Structures are given as C-alpha cells and as structure tokens.
Amino acid sequence: MREMGNWREYQIRRLANDQESAIDYLELTLEEYLVDGDLPFFLKELQVFIASQGGVVEICKRIGIDTETLLNMLSNEDATQLLDMFNSLLNTLKSRPVIEDIHAKHLSPVKQIPTS
C-alpha cells in the first residue's frame, strides 16, 4: 500500500517545483488575510510558502536576517499590529497588494528599425 503524505507536505513539494504557483499561492494567501483578517491561517500558509522556498534558514540567508527574527515574525502577536496597519493603509488607499515574480516577466526584444 502506498503511504500518503499530509496536505502541507504536498503543498510544499508542489510549490517548490513551480515558482509561478508559489507566487500565486503567496498572493492568494495575502489577499485572503486582507479580506478575513485570519492571522493564524495567514502565518501558517506563509510558513508553507517559506518551506517551499528552502525553509527559514535559506530565506534568512537570502534576505540577510537572522533566523530568530523571522521565526518571531511568524509567531509573534506583533505581526498582528503590522499586518492590521498594512491592511488599513491599503483599504484607505482603495488598493490591494500584487505579488509577482520579477524574473518571470519576459519582455519581448525591441525591434530595431533599419536606418537607411
């Protein structure tokens, strides 16, 4: 009989292998938080995204912070105040966040017009 993994492990593997889906997942997670304000759910899904991108240690190396700082941000009530303020700011500006992979943008080359 084949052993089944849990949903979180499946999501981490799936997102690790598909950067576009990972970015979409992060954007959807943030949008859901901004609508319903469910911080525990948001932080849990943010942890899934981070795990899919190499984990806390790898992400911290890439952004130049120590792991304790990120772990505190993912589990601390201070995150509530910061995210609530961000949500209020966006609502006041009648805006929403957009998360996109800057490396996925494929710009077509500019055509050179012959000069003669």
N, C-alpha and C. Protein backbone atom coordinates (compact mmCIF):
# COMPACT_ATOMS: atom_id res chain seq x y z
N MET A 1 0.84 -1.19 0.00
CA MET A 1 0.00 0.00 0.00
C MET A 1 0.88 1.24 0.00
N ARG A 2 0.54 2.21 -0.81
CA ARG A 2 1.28 3.46 -0.92
C ARG A 2 0.98 4.35 0.29
N GLU A 3 2.03 4.93 0.85
CA GLU A 3 1.86 5.80 2.01
C GLU A 3 1.51 7.21 1.54
N MET A 4 0.51 7.78 2.14
CA MET A 4 0.09 9.13 1.77
C MET A 4 0.73 10.15 2.69
N GLY A 5 1.24 11.23 2.12
CA GLY A 5 1.77 12.34 2.91
C GLY A 5 0.63 13.26 3.30
N ASN A 6 0.94 14.23 4.14
CA ASN A 6 -0.12 15.17 4.50
C ASN A 6 -0.20 16.32 3.51
N TRP A 7 -1.25 17.10 3.61
CA TRP A 7 -1.52 18.17 2.66
C TRP A 7 -0.41 19.23 2.67
N ARG A 8 0.08 19.57 3.85
CA ARG A 8 1.13 20.58 3.97
C ARG A 8 2.38 20.13 3.21
N GLU A 9 2.78 18.90 3.40
CA GLU A 9 3.97 18.38 2.71
C GLU A 9 3.76 18.38 1.19
N TYR A 10 2.56 18.02 0.77
CA TYR A 10 2.25 18.04 -0.66
C TYR A 10 2.37 19.46 -1.22
N GLN A 11 1.78 20.43 -0.51
CA GLN A 11 1.84 21.82 -0.96
C GLN A 11 3.28 22.31 -1.05
N ILE A 12 4.09 21.99 -0.06
CA ILE A 12 5.48 22.42 -0.06
C ILE A 12 6.22 21.87 -1.27
N ARG A 13 6.04 20.58 -1.54
CA ARG A 13 6.70 19.98 -2.72
C ARG A 13 6.20 20.60 -4.02
N ARG A 14 4.90 20.79 -4.11
CA ARG A 14 4.31 21.35 -5.32
C ARG A 14 4.82 22.77 -5.57
N LEU A 15 4.83 23.58 -4.55
CA LEU A 15 5.26 24.97 -4.70
C LEU A 15 6.77 25.07 -4.94
N ALA A 16 7.52 24.14 -4.38
CA ALA A 16 8.97 24.14 -4.58
C ALA A 16 9.32 23.87 -6.03
N ASN A 17 8.45 23.13 -6.72
CA ASN A 17 8.72 22.76 -8.11
C ASN A 17 8.05 23.67 -9.13
N ASP A 18 7.31 24.68 -8.68
CA ASP A 18 6.60 25.55 -9.60
C ASP A 18 6.58 26.97 -9.03
N GLN A 19 7.56 27.77 -9.43
CA GLN A 19 7.71 29.12 -8.87
C GLN A 19 6.49 29.99 -9.15
N GLU A 20 5.89 29.86 -10.31
CA GLU A 20 4.70 30.66 -10.62
C GLU A 20 3.56 30.32 -9.66
N SER A 21 3.37 29.04 -9.41
CA SER A 21 2.32 28.64 -8.46
C SER A 21 2.65 29.12 -7.05
N ALA A 22 3.93 29.12 -6.70
CA ALA A 22 4.34 29.59 -5.36
C ALA A 22 4.00 31.07 -5.19
N ILE A 23 4.28 31.87 -6.21
CA ILE A 23 3.96 33.30 -6.14
C ILE A 23 2.45 33.50 -6.09
N ASP A 24 1.70 32.76 -6.89
CA ASP A 24 0.23 32.84 -6.86
C ASP A 24 -0.31 32.45 -5.49
N TYR A 25 0.27 31.42 -4.90
CA TYR A 25 -0.14 30.95 -3.57
C TYR A 25 0.07 32.04 -2.53
N LEU A 26 1.23 32.68 -2.57
CA LEU A 26 1.54 33.74 -1.63
C LEU A 26 0.59 34.92 -1.81
N GLU A 27 0.31 35.28 -3.05
CA GLU A 27 -0.59 36.40 -3.31
C GLU A 27 -2.01 36.08 -2.82
N LEU A 28 -2.49 34.88 -3.11
CA LEU A 28 -3.82 34.48 -2.67
C LEU A 28 -3.90 34.45 -1.14
N THR A 29 -2.87 33.95 -0.50
CA THR A 29 -2.84 33.89 0.96
C THR A 29 -2.93 35.29 1.55
N LEU A 30 -2.18 36.22 0.99
CA LEU A 30 -2.21 37.61 1.48
C LEU A 30 -3.57 38.24 1.22
N GLU A 31 -4.13 38.03 0.04
CA GLU A 31 -5.45 38.58 -0.28
C GLU A 31 -6.51 38.05 0.68
N GLU A 32 -6.45 36.76 0.99
CA GLU A 32 -7.42 36.18 1.92
C GLU A 32 -7.28 36.81 3.30
N TYR A 33 -6.04 37.01 3.73
CA TYR A 33 -5.84 37.65 5.04
C TYR A 33 -6.42 39.06 5.04
N LEU A 34 -6.20 39.80 3.97
CA LEU A 34 -6.69 41.18 3.92
C LEU A 34 -8.21 41.24 3.91
N VAL A 35 -8.86 40.17 3.45
CA VAL A 35 -10.33 40.12 3.45
C VAL A 35 -10.86 39.66 4.80
N ASP A 36 -10.30 38.57 5.34
CA ASP A 36 -10.90 38.00 6.55
C ASP A 36 -10.12 38.24 7.84
N GLY A 37 -8.90 38.72 7.75
CA GLY A 37 -8.12 39.05 8.94
C GLY A 37 -7.71 37.86 9.79
N ASP A 38 -7.73 36.67 9.23
CA ASP A 38 -7.38 35.45 9.98
C ASP A 38 -5.86 35.30 10.02
N LEU A 39 -5.24 35.93 11.03
CA LEU A 39 -3.79 35.94 11.13
C LEU A 39 -3.18 34.55 11.33
N PRO A 40 -3.73 33.71 12.22
CA PRO A 40 -3.13 32.37 12.36
C PRO A 40 -3.09 31.59 11.05
N PHE A 41 -4.17 31.67 10.26
CA PHE A 41 -4.19 30.99 8.97
C PHE A 41 -3.14 31.59 8.03
N PHE A 42 -3.07 32.91 7.97
CA PHE A 42 -2.10 33.58 7.11
C PHE A 42 -0.68 33.16 7.47
N LEU A 43 -0.34 33.19 8.75
CA LEU A 43 1.02 32.83 9.17
C LEU A 43 1.32 31.37 8.87
N LYS A 44 0.33 30.50 9.04
CA LYS A 44 0.52 29.08 8.72
C LYS A 44 0.82 28.90 7.23
N GLU A 45 0.06 29.58 6.38
CA GLU A 45 0.28 29.46 4.94
C GLU A 45 1.57 30.15 4.51
N LEU A 46 1.95 31.22 5.18
CA LEU A 46 3.22 31.87 4.91
C LEU A 46 4.37 30.92 5.24
N GLN A 47 4.22 30.14 6.29
CA GLN A 47 5.23 29.14 6.64
C GLN A 47 5.33 28.06 5.56
N VAL A 48 4.21 27.67 4.97
CA VAL A 48 4.23 26.71 3.86
C VAL A 48 5.02 27.29 2.69
N PHE A 49 4.74 28.55 2.36
CA PHE A 49 5.47 29.21 1.27
C PHE A 49 6.97 29.25 1.57
N ILE A 50 7.33 29.65 2.76
CA ILE A 50 8.75 29.74 3.14
C ILE A 50 9.41 28.38 3.06
N ALA A 51 8.72 27.34 3.53
CA ALA A 51 9.27 25.98 3.46
C ALA A 51 9.50 25.57 2.01
N SER A 52 8.60 25.98 1.12
CA SER A 52 8.73 25.61 -0.29
C SER A 52 9.90 26.33 -0.97
N GLN A 53 10.35 27.40 -0.37
CA GLN A 53 11.43 28.19 -0.96
C GLN A 53 12.78 27.88 -0.30
N GLY A 54 12.85 26.78 0.41
CA GLY A 54 14.11 26.36 1.02
C GLY A 54 14.11 26.39 2.54
N GLY A 55 13.07 26.91 3.13
CA GLY A 55 12.95 26.94 4.57
C GLY A 55 13.43 28.25 5.18
N VAL A 56 13.22 28.36 6.47
CA VAL A 56 13.53 29.59 7.21
C VAL A 56 15.00 29.95 7.10
N VAL A 57 15.88 28.97 7.29
CA VAL A 57 17.31 29.25 7.26
C VAL A 57 17.73 29.78 5.89
N GLU A 58 17.26 29.13 4.83
CA GLU A 58 17.61 29.56 3.47
C GLU A 58 17.06 30.95 3.17
N ILE A 59 15.81 31.20 3.52
CA ILE A 59 15.20 32.51 3.27
C ILE A 59 15.95 33.59 4.04
N CYS A 60 16.29 33.31 5.28
CA CYS A 60 17.02 34.29 6.09
C CYS A 60 18.38 34.61 5.49
N LYS A 61 19.06 33.61 4.98
CA LYS A 61 20.34 33.86 4.30
C LYS A 61 20.14 34.77 3.10
N ARG A 62 19.09 34.49 2.33
CA ARG A 62 18.85 35.25 1.10
C ARG A 62 18.47 36.70 1.37
N ILE A 63 17.74 36.96 2.47
CA ILE A 63 17.33 38.33 2.74
C ILE A 63 18.21 39.02 3.78
N GLY A 64 19.15 38.28 4.36
CA GLY A 64 20.12 38.89 5.26
C GLY A 64 19.64 39.19 6.67
N ILE A 65 18.78 38.32 7.22
CA ILE A 65 18.37 38.48 8.62
C ILE A 65 18.64 37.17 9.34
N ASP A 66 18.68 37.25 10.68
CA ASP A 66 18.91 36.01 11.42
C ASP A 66 17.59 35.24 11.55
N THR A 67 17.71 33.93 11.72
CA THR A 67 16.52 33.07 11.73
C THR A 67 15.57 33.41 12.88
N GLU A 68 16.11 33.82 14.00
CA GLU A 68 15.26 34.14 15.15
C GLU A 68 14.31 35.29 14.83
N THR A 69 14.79 36.26 14.07
CA THR A 69 13.95 37.39 13.70
C THR A 69 12.75 36.94 12.88
N LEU A 70 13.00 36.12 11.86
CA LEU A 70 11.90 35.64 11.03
C LEU A 70 10.97 34.73 11.81
N LEU A 71 11.51 33.85 12.61
CA LEU A 71 10.66 32.96 13.41
C LEU A 71 9.77 33.76 14.35
N ASN A 72 10.31 34.82 14.95
CA ASN A 72 9.49 35.68 15.81
C ASN A 72 8.39 36.37 15.02
N MET A 73 8.72 36.81 13.82
CA MET A 73 7.72 37.48 12.98
C MET A 73 6.59 36.52 12.62
N LEU A 74 6.92 35.25 12.45
CA LEU A 74 5.91 34.27 12.05
C LEU A 74 5.06 33.76 13.21
N SER A 75 5.47 34.07 14.44
CA SER A 75 4.72 33.53 15.56
C SER A 75 4.35 34.58 16.60
N ASN A 76 4.67 35.81 16.38
CA ASN A 76 4.51 36.85 17.38
C ASN A 76 3.23 37.65 17.15
N GLU A 77 2.65 38.08 18.22
CA GLU A 77 1.45 38.91 18.14
C GLU A 77 1.75 40.27 17.53
N ASP A 78 3.02 40.69 17.52
CA ASP A 78 3.38 41.96 16.88
C ASP A 78 3.04 41.93 15.40
N ALA A 79 3.07 40.75 14.81
CA ALA A 79 2.72 40.62 13.39
C ALA A 79 1.29 41.10 13.16
N THR A 80 0.43 40.91 14.14
CA THR A 80 -0.97 41.34 14.02
C THR A 80 -1.05 42.84 13.81
N GLN A 81 -0.32 43.59 14.63
CA GLN A 81 -0.37 45.05 14.53
C GLN A 81 0.16 45.53 13.18
N LEU A 82 1.28 44.97 12.76
CA LEU A 82 1.87 45.38 11.50
C LEU A 82 0.95 45.06 10.32
N LEU A 83 0.41 43.85 10.28
CA LEU A 83 -0.47 43.46 9.18
C LEU A 83 -1.79 44.22 9.21
N ASP A 84 -2.31 44.48 10.41
CA ASP A 84 -3.54 45.26 10.51
C ASP A 84 -3.32 46.69 10.00
N MET A 85 -2.16 47.27 10.33
CA MET A 85 -1.84 48.61 9.86
C MET A 85 -1.71 48.61 8.33
N PHE A 86 -1.05 47.59 7.79
CA PHE A 86 -0.89 47.47 6.34
C PHE A 86 -2.25 47.33 5.67
N ASN A 87 -3.11 46.51 6.24
CA ASN A 87 -4.47 46.33 5.71
C ASN A 87 -5.24 47.65 5.74
N SER A 88 -5.15 48.38 6.84
CA SER A 88 -5.84 49.67 6.94
C SER A 88 -5.33 50.66 5.91
N LEU A 89 -4.01 50.67 5.72
CA LEU A 89 -3.42 51.55 4.72
C LEU A 89 -3.95 51.23 3.33
N LEU A 90 -3.95 49.94 2.98
CA LEU A 90 -4.44 49.54 1.66
C LEU A 90 -5.91 49.89 1.48
N ASN A 91 -6.71 49.66 2.52
CA ASN A 91 -8.14 49.99 2.43
C ASN A 91 -8.35 51.49 2.27
N THR A 92 -7.57 52.28 2.99
CA THR A 92 -7.68 53.73 2.88
C THR A 92 -7.34 54.20 1.48
N LEU A 93 -6.34 53.58 0.89
CA LEU A 93 -5.91 53.95 -0.46
C LEU A 93 -6.72 53.24 -1.55
N LYS A 94 -7.69 52.43 -1.10
CA LYS A 94 -8.51 51.65 -2.04
C LYS A 94 -7.61 50.86 -2.99
N SER A 95 -6.64 50.17 -2.39
CA SER A 95 -5.63 49.42 -3.15
C SER A 95 -5.58 47.99 -2.65
N ARG A 96 -4.87 47.17 -3.41
CA ARG A 96 -4.61 45.81 -2.98
C ARG A 96 -3.18 45.46 -3.39
N PRO A 97 -2.57 44.56 -2.67
CA PRO A 97 -1.19 44.20 -3.00
C PRO A 97 -1.14 43.28 -4.22
N VAL A 98 -0.05 43.35 -4.92
CA VAL A 98 0.20 42.44 -6.03
C VAL A 98 1.58 41.84 -5.80
N ILE A 99 1.63 40.53 -5.82
CA ILE A 99 2.89 39.82 -5.65
C ILE A 99 3.17 39.12 -6.96
N GLU A 100 4.33 39.40 -7.53
CA GLU A 100 4.68 38.76 -8.79
C GLU A 100 6.16 38.45 -8.82
N ASP A 101 6.50 37.43 -9.54
CA ASP A 101 7.88 37.02 -9.71
C ASP A 101 8.52 37.95 -10.73
N ILE A 102 9.47 38.76 -10.30
CA ILE A 102 10.08 39.72 -11.22
C ILE A 102 10.94 39.04 -12.28
N HIS A 103 11.32 37.81 -12.03
CA HIS A 103 12.11 37.08 -13.02
C HIS A 103 11.25 36.39 -14.06
N ALA A 104 9.96 36.32 -13.83
CA ALA A 104 9.07 35.62 -14.77
C ALA A 104 8.61 36.53 -15.90
N LYS A 105 8.86 37.80 -15.77
CA LYS A 105 8.46 38.74 -16.80
C LYS A 105 9.36 38.56 -18.02
N HIS A 106 8.77 38.18 -19.11
CA HIS A 106 9.53 38.00 -20.34
C HIS A 106 9.21 39.16 -21.27
N LEU A 107 10.13 40.04 -21.36
CA LEU A 107 9.93 41.19 -22.24
C LEU A 107 10.39 40.83 -23.63
N SER A 108 9.59 41.16 -24.59
CA SER A 108 9.99 40.88 -25.96
C SER A 108 11.04 41.91 -26.36
N PRO A 109 12.02 41.47 -27.14
CA PRO A 109 13.07 42.40 -27.53
C PRO A 109 12.50 43.51 -28.42
N VAL A 110 13.10 44.66 -28.29
CA VAL A 110 12.68 45.80 -29.10
C VAL A 110 13.20 45.59 -30.51
N LYS A 111 12.33 45.76 -31.48
CA LYS A 111 12.75 45.60 -32.87
C LYS A 111 13.55 46.82 -33.30
N GLN A 112 14.63 46.55 -33.94
CA GLN A 112 15.46 47.63 -34.48
C GLN A 112 14.91 48.05 -35.83
N ILE A 113 14.72 49.32 -36.00
CA ILE A 113 14.24 49.83 -37.27
C ILE A 113 15.47 50.19 -38.12
N PRO A 114 15.57 49.61 -39.30
CA PRO A 114 16.74 49.92 -40.15
C PRO A 114 16.79 51.41 -40.48
N THR A 115 17.97 51.95 -40.42
CA THR A 115 18.15 53.35 -40.77
C THR A 115 18.92 53.44 -42.07
N SER A 116 18.26 53.70 -43.11
CA SER A 116 18.90 53.93 -44.40
C SER A 116 17.95 54.54 -45.38
